[in-house]
Amino acid sequence: MNLPARSRTTPRRRPLVCAATGVALAILLAACGTEKPGATSTATPVAGADKLTACPSTPSKPPTTNGLPDVSLPCLGSGPDIRLADLRGPLVINVWAQWCGPCRDEAPYLAELAKAGTVKMLGIDYDDPRPELAVKFAADEGLTYPHVVDRDKAIQRALKIGGPPLTAFIDSDGAVAFVHRGVLTSQQQLDQLVEEHAR
């Protein structure tokens, strides 16, 4: 009995179909790569980051009683991650976010303090999903001192942060001498807090 023509050709086509499927799968896998979905490259700098002072390297130090939490945060601009527990004062740390209206209101006072150069300063961009807008905010407001990023609220419990803004004053031993919660309302107020708590 003669088989229909279609049935006779099926065994010859199957290896070709399998081979073509294998090639297509290999191309698809190569195109996808190995990067996890949603991952972002840390090699690409945030646009405008060169307008901010690079984060400095800080020597490793043991945590201090009443000091900053032992967490490391990435720099908003260029430079290494900063381990907060390594920091020593006199130092003013301002917690802010580009979406925070009161943070914009107090920015001129912080910029003026930074310009005076009487105390070290560090900004913490807090709970902020848009680093490119954060860089623009800091640069536009004259907050050109180093900033780190805390998107996961790693410092929330240690500094009892309800939300930004918050300004912490660190003494020469690395202890948190005082925390001002809420917006700074004048240059005189900020200068007085520095005089009392960050010397």
N, C-alpha and C. Protein backbone atom coordinates (compact mmCIF):
# COMPACT_ATOMS: atom_id res chain seq x y z
N MET A 1 0.86 -1.19 0.00
CA MET A 1 0.00 0.00 0.00
C MET A 1 0.89 1.23 0.00
N ASN A 2 0.54 2.21 -0.82
CA ASN A 2 1.29 3.45 -0.85
C ASN A 2 0.75 4.41 0.21
N LEU A 3 1.68 5.02 0.99
CA LEU A 3 1.27 6.01 1.98
C LEU A 3 1.00 7.34 1.30
N PRO A 4 0.13 8.17 1.86
CA PRO A 4 -0.08 9.50 1.29
C PRO A 4 1.23 10.28 1.29
N ALA A 5 1.36 11.19 0.33
CA ALA A 5 2.61 11.96 0.17
C ALA A 5 2.95 12.73 1.43
N ARG A 6 1.95 13.28 2.15
CA ARG A 6 2.20 14.09 3.34
C ARG A 6 2.87 13.27 4.43
N SER A 7 2.40 12.00 4.60
CA SER A 7 2.98 11.15 5.63
C SER A 7 4.41 10.76 5.30
N ARG A 8 4.71 10.59 4.02
CA ARG A 8 6.07 10.18 3.65
C ARG A 8 7.10 11.26 3.95
N THR A 9 6.71 12.54 3.89
CA THR A 9 7.70 13.62 4.07
C THR A 9 7.87 14.03 5.53
N THR A 10 6.95 13.62 6.40
CA THR A 10 7.02 14.06 7.79
C THR A 10 8.31 13.66 8.49
N PRO A 11 8.80 12.40 8.38
CA PRO A 11 10.03 12.04 9.07
C PRO A 11 11.22 12.88 8.63
N ARG A 12 11.25 13.33 7.37
CA ARG A 12 12.40 14.12 6.92
C ARG A 12 12.33 15.55 7.45
N ARG A 13 11.12 16.09 7.65
CA ARG A 13 11.01 17.48 8.10
C ARG A 13 11.29 17.64 9.59
N ARG A 14 11.00 16.62 10.38
CA ARG A 14 11.11 16.75 11.83
C ARG A 14 12.49 17.19 12.30
N PRO A 15 13.60 16.59 11.83
CA PRO A 15 14.92 17.07 12.28
C PRO A 15 15.16 18.52 11.92
N LEU A 16 14.67 18.95 10.73
CA LEU A 16 14.87 20.35 10.33
C LEU A 16 14.10 21.29 11.24
N VAL A 17 12.87 20.92 11.60
CA VAL A 17 12.06 21.75 12.49
C VAL A 17 12.71 21.85 13.86
N CYS A 18 13.22 20.73 14.38
CA CYS A 18 13.88 20.73 15.70
C CYS A 18 15.13 21.60 15.67
N ALA A 19 15.90 21.49 14.60
CA ALA A 19 17.12 22.29 14.49
C ALA A 19 16.79 23.77 14.44
N ALA A 20 15.77 24.13 13.67
CA ALA A 20 15.38 25.54 13.56
C ALA A 20 14.89 26.07 14.90
N THR A 21 14.13 25.24 15.62
CA THR A 21 13.64 25.64 16.94
C THR A 21 14.80 25.86 17.91
N GLY A 22 15.80 24.99 17.86
CA GLY A 22 16.97 25.12 18.73
C GLY A 22 17.74 26.39 18.45
N VAL A 23 17.91 26.72 17.17
CA VAL A 23 18.63 27.96 16.81
C VAL A 23 17.86 29.18 17.29
N ALA A 24 16.53 29.18 17.09
CA ALA A 24 15.71 30.31 17.52
C ALA A 24 15.78 30.49 19.04
N LEU A 25 15.76 29.38 19.79
CA LEU A 25 15.84 29.45 21.24
C LEU A 25 17.18 30.00 21.69
N ALA A 26 18.26 29.58 21.03
CA ALA A 26 19.59 30.08 21.37
C ALA A 26 19.68 31.58 21.14
N ILE A 27 19.10 32.05 20.02
CA ILE A 27 19.13 33.49 19.73
C ILE A 27 18.33 34.26 20.78
N LEU A 28 17.18 33.72 21.16
CA LEU A 28 16.34 34.37 22.16
C LEU A 28 17.04 34.48 23.50
N LEU A 29 17.70 33.41 23.93
CA LEU A 29 18.42 33.43 25.20
C LEU A 29 19.58 34.41 25.16
N ALA A 30 20.26 34.47 24.03
CA ALA A 30 21.38 35.41 23.91
C ALA A 30 20.89 36.84 23.98
N ALA A 31 19.73 37.10 23.37
CA ALA A 31 19.19 38.46 23.39
C ALA A 31 18.74 38.86 24.78
N CYS A 32 18.21 37.90 25.55
CA CYS A 32 17.74 38.20 26.89
C CYS A 32 18.90 38.45 27.85
N GLY A 33 19.99 37.77 27.68
CA GLY A 33 21.12 37.93 28.59
C GLY A 33 20.83 37.30 29.93
N THR A 34 21.64 37.64 30.91
CA THR A 34 21.51 37.03 32.24
C THR A 34 21.03 38.02 33.28
N GLU A 35 20.80 39.30 32.90
CA GLU A 35 20.40 40.29 33.87
C GLU A 35 18.99 40.03 34.36
N LYS A 36 18.76 40.20 35.65
CA LYS A 36 17.44 39.98 36.23
C LYS A 36 16.49 41.09 35.79
N PRO A 37 15.21 40.77 35.65
CA PRO A 37 14.24 41.80 35.27
C PRO A 37 14.22 42.92 36.29
N GLY A 38 14.21 44.16 35.81
CA GLY A 38 14.14 45.31 36.70
C GLY A 38 15.48 45.73 37.25
N ALA A 39 16.55 44.98 37.00
CA ALA A 39 17.86 45.36 37.52
C ALA A 39 18.37 46.59 36.80
N THR A 40 19.07 47.44 37.53
CA THR A 40 19.65 48.63 36.92
C THR A 40 21.15 48.56 37.04
N SER A 41 21.82 49.12 36.07
CA SER A 41 23.28 49.09 36.07
C SER A 41 23.82 50.16 37.00
N THR A 42 24.72 49.77 37.88
CA THR A 42 25.34 50.74 38.77
C THR A 42 26.50 51.44 38.11
N ALA A 43 26.87 51.00 36.90
CA ALA A 43 28.00 51.60 36.21
C ALA A 43 27.62 52.93 35.56
N THR A 44 26.33 53.15 35.29
CA THR A 44 25.90 54.38 34.64
C THR A 44 25.68 55.47 35.68
N PRO A 45 26.47 56.56 35.63
CA PRO A 45 26.29 57.62 36.62
C PRO A 45 24.99 58.38 36.38
N VAL A 46 24.44 58.94 37.44
CA VAL A 46 23.22 59.73 37.33
C VAL A 46 23.57 61.04 36.63
N ALA A 47 22.74 61.45 35.68
CA ALA A 47 22.99 62.68 34.94
C ALA A 47 23.09 63.87 35.89
N GLY A 48 24.13 64.68 35.72
CA GLY A 48 24.32 65.87 36.54
C GLY A 48 25.05 65.62 37.84
N ALA A 49 25.42 64.36 38.11
CA ALA A 49 26.07 64.03 39.38
C ALA A 49 27.41 64.74 39.56
N ASP A 50 28.02 65.15 38.45
CA ASP A 50 29.31 65.84 38.54
C ASP A 50 29.18 67.23 39.17
N LYS A 51 27.95 67.73 39.33
CA LYS A 51 27.74 69.03 39.97
C LYS A 51 27.83 68.94 41.49
N LEU A 52 27.79 67.72 42.02
CA LEU A 52 27.85 67.50 43.46
C LEU A 52 29.26 67.08 43.87
N THR A 53 29.64 67.41 45.09
CA THR A 53 30.93 66.97 45.62
C THR A 53 30.91 65.45 45.78
N ALA A 54 31.98 64.81 45.34
CA ALA A 54 32.08 63.35 45.45
C ALA A 54 32.11 62.93 46.92
N CYS A 55 31.54 61.79 47.21
CA CYS A 55 31.59 61.26 48.58
C CYS A 55 33.02 60.86 48.90
N PRO A 56 33.53 61.25 50.06
CA PRO A 56 34.91 60.92 50.42
C PRO A 56 35.04 59.50 50.96
N SER A 57 36.24 58.97 50.91
CA SER A 57 36.52 57.70 51.59
C SER A 57 36.65 57.99 53.08
N THR A 58 36.07 57.15 53.90
CA THR A 58 36.14 57.35 55.34
C THR A 58 36.80 56.13 55.99
N PRO A 59 37.77 56.37 56.87
CA PRO A 59 38.42 55.23 57.54
C PRO A 59 37.44 54.48 58.43
N SER A 60 37.59 53.18 58.48
CA SER A 60 36.69 52.35 59.29
C SER A 60 36.93 52.59 60.77
N LYS A 61 35.84 52.78 61.51
CA LYS A 61 35.92 53.02 62.95
C LYS A 61 34.85 52.21 63.67
N PRO A 62 35.09 51.88 64.92
CA PRO A 62 34.07 51.13 65.67
C PRO A 62 32.84 52.00 65.91
N PRO A 63 31.67 51.39 65.95
CA PRO A 63 30.45 52.17 66.23
C PRO A 63 30.56 52.89 67.57
N THR A 64 29.93 54.05 67.65
CA THR A 64 29.97 54.89 68.84
C THR A 64 28.65 54.79 69.60
N THR A 65 28.72 54.90 70.92
CA THR A 65 27.50 54.96 71.72
C THR A 65 26.69 56.17 71.29
N ASN A 66 25.41 55.97 71.05
CA ASN A 66 24.52 57.03 70.56
C ASN A 66 24.95 57.58 69.21
N GLY A 67 25.68 56.76 68.46
CA GLY A 67 26.15 57.19 67.14
C GLY A 67 25.16 56.87 66.04
N LEU A 68 25.60 57.08 64.83
CA LEU A 68 24.77 56.81 63.66
C LEU A 68 24.66 55.30 63.44
N PRO A 69 23.61 54.85 62.76
CA PRO A 69 23.44 53.41 62.54
C PRO A 69 24.55 52.82 61.68
N ASP A 70 24.83 51.55 61.90
CA ASP A 70 25.90 50.87 61.16
C ASP A 70 25.35 50.36 59.82
N VAL A 71 25.08 51.31 58.93
CA VAL A 71 24.60 50.98 57.58
C VAL A 71 25.45 51.73 56.57
N SER A 72 25.62 51.13 55.40
CA SER A 72 26.36 51.76 54.31
C SER A 72 25.37 52.19 53.24
N LEU A 73 25.53 53.42 52.77
CA LEU A 73 24.62 53.97 51.76
C LEU A 73 25.42 54.43 50.55
N PRO A 74 24.87 54.22 49.34
CA PRO A 74 25.58 54.62 48.13
C PRO A 74 25.56 56.13 47.93
N CYS A 75 26.59 56.63 47.28
CA CYS A 75 26.71 58.05 47.01
C CYS A 75 25.72 58.45 45.92
N LEU A 76 25.10 59.62 46.08
CA LEU A 76 24.19 60.12 45.05
C LEU A 76 24.98 60.58 43.83
N GLY A 77 26.14 61.18 44.07
CA GLY A 77 27.02 61.57 42.98
C GLY A 77 28.06 60.50 42.74
N SER A 78 29.31 60.92 42.65
CA SER A 78 30.39 59.94 42.48
C SER A 78 31.04 59.67 43.84
N GLY A 79 31.83 58.62 43.89
CA GLY A 79 32.52 58.28 45.13
C GLY A 79 32.01 57.00 45.74
N PRO A 80 32.69 56.53 46.78
CA PRO A 80 32.35 55.24 47.39
C PRO A 80 31.11 55.32 48.26
N ASP A 81 30.59 54.15 48.62
CA ASP A 81 29.53 54.08 49.62
C ASP A 81 30.06 54.65 50.93
N ILE A 82 29.18 55.17 51.75
CA ILE A 82 29.58 55.71 53.05
C ILE A 82 28.92 54.89 54.16
N ARG A 83 29.75 54.38 55.07
CA ARG A 83 29.25 53.69 56.26
C ARG A 83 29.01 54.76 57.33
N LEU A 84 27.77 54.96 57.69
CA LEU A 84 27.43 56.07 58.58
C LEU A 84 28.12 55.97 59.93
N ALA A 85 28.30 54.75 60.44
CA ALA A 85 28.94 54.57 61.75
C ALA A 85 30.39 55.05 61.77
N ASP A 86 31.00 55.21 60.59
CA ASP A 86 32.39 55.68 60.52
C ASP A 86 32.50 57.19 60.65
N LEU A 87 31.40 57.90 60.53
CA LEU A 87 31.45 59.37 60.47
C LEU A 87 31.68 59.99 61.84
N ARG A 88 32.49 61.03 61.85
CA ARG A 88 32.76 61.81 63.05
C ARG A 88 32.53 63.28 62.74
N GLY A 89 32.16 64.04 63.76
CA GLY A 89 31.87 65.45 63.55
C GLY A 89 33.06 66.34 63.86
N PRO A 90 32.78 67.61 63.95
CA PRO A 90 31.47 68.23 63.82
C PRO A 90 30.89 68.04 62.42
N LEU A 91 29.63 67.61 62.37
CA LEU A 91 29.00 67.26 61.11
C LEU A 91 27.50 67.54 61.19
N VAL A 92 26.97 68.11 60.12
CA VAL A 92 25.52 68.31 59.99
C VAL A 92 25.01 67.37 58.91
N ILE A 93 24.03 66.55 59.26
CA ILE A 93 23.42 65.63 58.30
C ILE A 93 21.97 66.07 58.07
N ASN A 94 21.64 66.34 56.82
CA ASN A 94 20.27 66.73 56.48
C ASN A 94 19.60 65.63 55.67
N VAL A 95 18.44 65.19 56.14
CA VAL A 95 17.66 64.15 55.46
C VAL A 95 16.58 64.86 54.64
N TRP A 96 16.54 64.58 53.34
CA TRP A 96 15.68 65.32 52.43
C TRP A 96 15.19 64.41 51.30
N ALA A 97 14.30 64.96 50.47
CA ALA A 97 13.86 64.28 49.24
C ALA A 97 13.42 65.35 48.26
N GLN A 98 13.58 65.07 46.98
CA GLN A 98 13.24 66.08 45.97
C GLN A 98 11.74 66.33 45.89
N TRP A 99 10.92 65.40 46.39
CA TRP A 99 9.47 65.58 46.36
C TRP A 99 8.94 66.31 47.59
N CYS A 100 9.83 66.68 48.51
CA CYS A 100 9.46 67.26 49.80
C CYS A 100 9.46 68.79 49.73
N GLY A 101 8.27 69.41 49.83
CA GLY A 101 8.16 70.86 49.76
C GLY A 101 8.94 71.58 50.86
N PRO A 102 8.80 71.20 52.14
CA PRO A 102 9.56 71.85 53.20
C PRO A 102 11.07 71.73 53.02
N CYS A 103 11.53 70.65 52.38
CA CYS A 103 12.97 70.50 52.11
C CYS A 103 13.45 71.62 51.19
N ARG A 104 12.62 71.98 50.23
CA ARG A 104 12.96 73.08 49.32
C ARG A 104 12.96 74.41 50.07
N ASP A 105 12.04 74.55 51.03
CA ASP A 105 11.96 75.80 51.80
C ASP A 105 13.22 76.04 52.63
N GLU A 106 13.79 74.98 53.21
CA GLU A 106 14.95 75.15 54.09
C GLU A 106 16.28 75.08 53.34
N ALA A 107 16.25 74.71 52.07
CA ALA A 107 17.48 74.52 51.30
C ALA A 107 18.40 75.74 51.29
N PRO A 108 17.88 76.98 51.17
CA PRO A 108 18.80 78.13 51.16
C PRO A 108 19.65 78.25 52.43
N TYR A 109 19.10 77.86 53.57
CA TYR A 109 19.85 77.95 54.82
C TYR A 109 20.99 76.92 54.84
N LEU A 110 20.71 75.74 54.34
CA LEU A 110 21.74 74.70 54.27
C LEU A 110 22.82 75.07 53.26
N ALA A 111 22.40 75.65 52.13
CA ALA A 111 23.37 76.08 51.12
C ALA A 111 24.29 77.16 51.68
N GLU A 112 23.72 78.07 52.46
CA GLU A 112 24.51 79.15 53.05
C GLU A 112 25.50 78.60 54.08
N LEU A 113 25.06 77.64 54.87
CA LEU A 113 25.95 77.01 55.84
C LEU A 113 27.09 76.29 55.13
N ALA A 114 26.77 75.60 54.06
CA ALA A 114 27.81 74.89 53.29
C ALA A 114 28.81 75.87 52.71
N LYS A 115 28.31 77.01 52.23
CA LYS A 115 29.18 78.02 51.63
C LYS A 115 30.13 78.60 52.67
N ALA A 116 29.65 78.73 53.91
CA ALA A 116 30.49 79.29 54.98
C ALA A 116 31.65 78.35 55.31
N GLY A 117 31.46 77.05 55.15
CA GLY A 117 32.53 76.09 55.36
C GLY A 117 32.96 75.91 56.80
N THR A 118 32.08 76.22 57.75
CA THR A 118 32.44 76.12 59.16
C THR A 118 32.22 74.73 59.75
N VAL A 119 31.52 73.87 59.03
CA VAL A 119 31.22 72.53 59.53
C VAL A 119 31.06 71.59 58.34
N LYS A 120 31.39 70.32 58.54
CA LYS A 120 31.19 69.33 57.47
C LYS A 120 29.69 69.06 57.31
N MET A 121 29.31 68.71 56.08
CA MET A 121 27.89 68.47 55.81
C MET A 121 27.71 67.23 54.94
N LEU A 122 26.61 66.53 55.18
CA LEU A 122 26.24 65.37 54.38
C LEU A 122 24.73 65.37 54.20
N GLY A 123 24.28 65.17 52.98
CA GLY A 123 22.85 65.04 52.73
C GLY A 123 22.48 63.57 52.57
N ILE A 124 21.27 63.22 52.99
CA ILE A 124 20.75 61.86 52.76
C ILE A 124 19.44 61.99 51.98
N ASP A 125 19.48 61.59 50.72
CA ASP A 125 18.29 61.58 49.87
C ASP A 125 17.45 60.38 50.30
N TYR A 126 16.30 60.64 50.89
CA TYR A 126 15.55 59.63 51.64
C TYR A 126 14.25 59.23 50.93
N ASP A 127 14.05 57.91 50.79
CA ASP A 127 12.79 57.38 50.26
C ASP A 127 12.43 58.06 48.93
N ASP A 128 13.40 58.14 48.04
CA ASP A 128 13.27 58.92 46.81
C ASP A 128 13.50 58.03 45.60
N PRO A 129 12.49 57.79 44.77
CA PRO A 129 12.64 56.85 43.65
C PRO A 129 13.27 57.44 42.41
N ARG A 130 13.55 58.75 42.39
CA ARG A 130 14.03 59.40 41.17
C ARG A 130 15.39 60.05 41.41
N PRO A 131 16.50 59.30 41.33
CA PRO A 131 17.82 59.88 41.61
C PRO A 131 18.19 61.02 40.68
N GLU A 132 17.72 60.98 39.43
CA GLU A 132 18.07 62.05 38.50
C GLU A 132 17.42 63.37 38.92
N LEU A 133 16.20 63.31 39.47
CA LEU A 133 15.54 64.51 39.98
C LEU A 133 16.17 64.96 41.29
N ALA A 134 16.65 64.01 42.08
CA ALA A 134 17.32 64.35 43.33
C ALA A 134 18.61 65.12 43.06
N VAL A 135 19.39 64.66 42.08
CA VAL A 135 20.62 65.37 41.71
C VAL A 135 20.30 66.78 41.24
N LYS A 136 19.28 66.91 40.41
CA LYS A 136 18.89 68.24 39.90
C LYS A 136 18.46 69.15 41.04
N PHE A 137 17.67 68.60 41.97
CA PHE A 137 17.23 69.39 43.13
C PHE A 137 18.43 69.90 43.91
N ALA A 138 19.35 69.01 44.26
CA ALA A 138 20.51 69.39 45.07
C ALA A 138 21.36 70.43 44.34
N ALA A 139 21.60 70.22 43.06
CA ALA A 139 22.43 71.16 42.29
C ALA A 139 21.74 72.51 42.14
N ASP A 140 20.45 72.51 41.84
CA ASP A 140 19.71 73.77 41.66
C ASP A 140 19.63 74.58 42.94
N GLU A 141 19.56 73.89 44.08
CA GLU A 141 19.42 74.58 45.37
C GLU A 141 20.77 74.94 46.00
N GLY A 142 21.86 74.59 45.32
CA GLY A 142 23.19 74.91 45.86
C GLY A 142 23.66 73.97 46.95
N LEU A 143 23.03 72.80 47.05
CA LEU A 143 23.42 71.80 48.05
C LEU A 143 24.48 70.89 47.44
N THR A 144 25.64 71.46 47.18
CA THR A 144 26.66 70.75 46.39
C THR A 144 27.61 69.91 47.24
N TYR A 145 27.36 69.83 48.54
CA TYR A 145 28.17 68.95 49.40
C TYR A 145 27.79 67.49 49.11
N PRO A 146 28.53 66.52 49.66
CA PRO A 146 28.23 65.10 49.36
C PRO A 146 26.84 64.68 49.84
N HIS A 147 26.24 63.77 49.08
CA HIS A 147 24.94 63.20 49.44
C HIS A 147 24.98 61.69 49.23
N VAL A 148 24.27 60.98 50.09
CA VAL A 148 24.08 59.54 49.91
C VAL A 148 22.59 59.28 49.71
N VAL A 149 22.26 58.05 49.32
CA VAL A 149 20.89 57.69 48.98
C VAL A 149 20.38 56.59 49.92
N ASP A 150 19.22 56.81 50.51
CA ASP A 150 18.57 55.80 51.35
C ASP A 150 17.16 55.55 50.82
N ARG A 151 17.07 54.72 49.78
CA ARG A 151 15.76 54.43 49.18
C ARG A 151 14.95 53.47 50.03
N ASP A 152 15.62 52.67 50.86
CA ASP A 152 14.94 51.62 51.62
C ASP A 152 14.66 52.01 53.07
N LYS A 153 14.86 53.27 53.41
CA LYS A 153 14.60 53.78 54.77
C LYS A 153 15.43 53.04 55.82
N ALA A 154 16.70 52.78 55.51
CA ALA A 154 17.57 52.04 56.43
C ALA A 154 17.84 52.82 57.71
N ILE A 155 17.74 54.15 57.66
CA ILE A 155 18.04 54.97 58.85
C ILE A 155 16.77 55.36 59.62
N GLN A 156 15.62 54.91 59.16
CA GLN A 156 14.35 55.36 59.74
C GLN A 156 14.26 55.09 61.23
N ARG A 157 14.55 53.85 61.64
CA ARG A 157 14.40 53.49 63.05
C ARG A 157 15.42 54.20 63.93
N ALA A 158 16.68 54.23 63.48
CA ALA A 158 17.75 54.81 64.30
C ALA A 158 17.52 56.30 64.57
N LEU A 159 17.07 57.03 63.56
CA LEU A 159 16.87 58.47 63.73
C LEU A 159 15.40 58.84 63.96
N LYS A 160 14.54 57.81 64.06
CA LYS A 160 13.11 58.02 64.32
C LYS A 160 12.52 59.02 63.33
N ILE A 161 12.66 58.68 62.06
CA ILE A 161 12.23 59.57 61.00
C ILE A 161 10.77 59.31 60.65
N GLY A 162 9.93 60.33 60.81
CA GLY A 162 8.56 60.24 60.34
C GLY A 162 8.49 60.58 58.87
N GLY A 163 9.40 61.42 58.45
CA GLY A 163 9.50 61.85 57.06
C GLY A 163 10.44 63.03 56.99
N PRO A 164 10.94 63.36 55.81
CA PRO A 164 11.83 64.50 55.69
C PRO A 164 11.03 65.81 55.75
N PRO A 165 11.70 66.91 56.13
CA PRO A 165 13.13 67.01 56.42
C PRO A 165 13.45 66.70 57.88
N LEU A 166 14.70 66.36 58.09
CA LEU A 166 15.25 66.12 59.42
C LEU A 166 16.72 66.50 59.37
N THR A 167 17.21 67.15 60.42
CA THR A 167 18.61 67.56 60.46
C THR A 167 19.24 67.05 61.75
N ALA A 168 20.32 66.27 61.62
CA ALA A 168 21.02 65.70 62.77
C ALA A 168 22.38 66.37 62.92
N PHE A 169 22.78 66.57 64.16
CA PHE A 169 24.04 67.22 64.47
C PHE A 169 24.94 66.21 65.18
N ILE A 170 26.10 65.96 64.59
CA ILE A 170 27.01 64.92 65.06
C ILE A 170 28.23 65.57 65.70
N ASP A 171 28.60 65.12 66.91
CA ASP A 171 29.75 65.73 67.58
C ASP A 171 31.05 65.05 67.17
N SER A 172 32.15 65.50 67.73
CA SER A 172 33.48 65.02 67.32
C SER A 172 33.72 63.56 67.66
N ASP A 173 32.94 63.00 68.59
CA ASP A 173 33.06 61.59 68.94
C ASP A 173 32.19 60.69 68.05
N GLY A 174 31.39 61.30 67.19
CA GLY A 174 30.51 60.53 66.32
C GLY A 174 29.13 60.29 66.90
N ALA A 175 28.85 60.87 68.07
CA ALA A 175 27.54 60.71 68.69
C ALA A 175 26.54 61.68 68.07
N VAL A 176 25.28 61.25 68.02
CA VAL A 176 24.22 62.14 67.56
C VAL A 176 23.87 63.07 68.72
N ALA A 177 24.34 64.32 68.64
CA ALA A 177 24.17 65.26 69.74
C ALA A 177 22.75 65.82 69.80
N PHE A 178 22.13 65.98 68.62
CA PHE A 178 20.78 66.56 68.59
C PHE A 178 20.15 66.26 67.24
N VAL A 179 18.83 66.08 67.25
CA VAL A 179 18.09 65.87 66.01
C VAL A 179 16.95 66.89 65.95
N HIS A 180 16.95 67.68 64.89
CA HIS A 180 15.86 68.63 64.65
C HIS A 180 14.91 68.02 63.64
N ARG A 181 13.68 67.75 64.06
CA ARG A 181 12.69 67.16 63.17
C ARG A 181 11.80 68.26 62.60
N GLY A 182 11.63 68.23 61.29
CA GLY A 182 10.82 69.25 60.65
C GLY A 182 11.69 70.28 59.95
N VAL A 183 11.02 71.27 59.38
CA VAL A 183 11.70 72.26 58.54
C VAL A 183 12.48 73.27 59.39
N LEU A 184 13.64 73.65 58.90
CA LEU A 184 14.40 74.75 59.48
C LEU A 184 13.77 76.05 58.98
N THR A 185 13.54 77.01 59.89
CA THR A 185 12.77 78.19 59.51
C THR A 185 13.59 79.45 59.30
N SER A 186 14.88 79.42 59.64
CA SER A 186 15.71 80.60 59.42
C SER A 186 17.19 80.23 59.46
N GLN A 187 18.00 81.11 58.90
CA GLN A 187 19.45 80.91 58.95
C GLN A 187 19.94 81.01 60.39
N GLN A 188 19.35 81.93 61.13
CA GLN A 188 19.75 82.10 62.53
C GLN A 188 19.49 80.83 63.33
N GLN A 189 18.36 80.19 63.09
CA GLN A 189 18.04 78.95 63.80
C GLN A 189 19.07 77.87 63.50
N LEU A 190 19.40 77.70 62.22
CA LEU A 190 20.37 76.67 61.84
C LEU A 190 21.74 76.97 62.42
N ASP A 191 22.17 78.22 62.31
CA ASP A 191 23.50 78.59 62.84
C ASP A 191 23.57 78.36 64.34
N GLN A 192 22.47 78.64 65.04
CA GLN A 192 22.44 78.45 66.49
C GLN A 192 22.52 76.96 66.84
N LEU A 193 21.82 76.13 66.09
CA LEU A 193 21.88 74.69 66.32
C LEU A 193 23.28 74.14 66.07
N VAL A 194 23.94 74.63 65.05
CA VAL A 194 25.33 74.21 64.78
C VAL A 194 26.22 74.62 65.94
N GLU A 195 26.06 75.84 66.41
CA GLU A 195 26.88 76.36 67.51
C GLU A 195 26.69 75.53 68.78
N GLU A 196 25.48 75.09 69.02
CA GLU A 196 25.18 74.36 70.25
C GLU A 196 25.52 72.87 70.17
N HIS A 197 25.40 72.27 68.99
CA HIS A 197 25.45 70.80 68.91
C HIS A 197 26.49 70.21 67.96
N ALA A 198 27.16 71.02 67.18
CA ALA A 198 28.11 70.46 66.21
C ALA A 198 29.43 71.20 66.26
N ARG A 199 29.99 71.24 67.45
CA ARG A 199 31.30 71.89 67.64
C ARG A 199 32.26 70.96 68.35
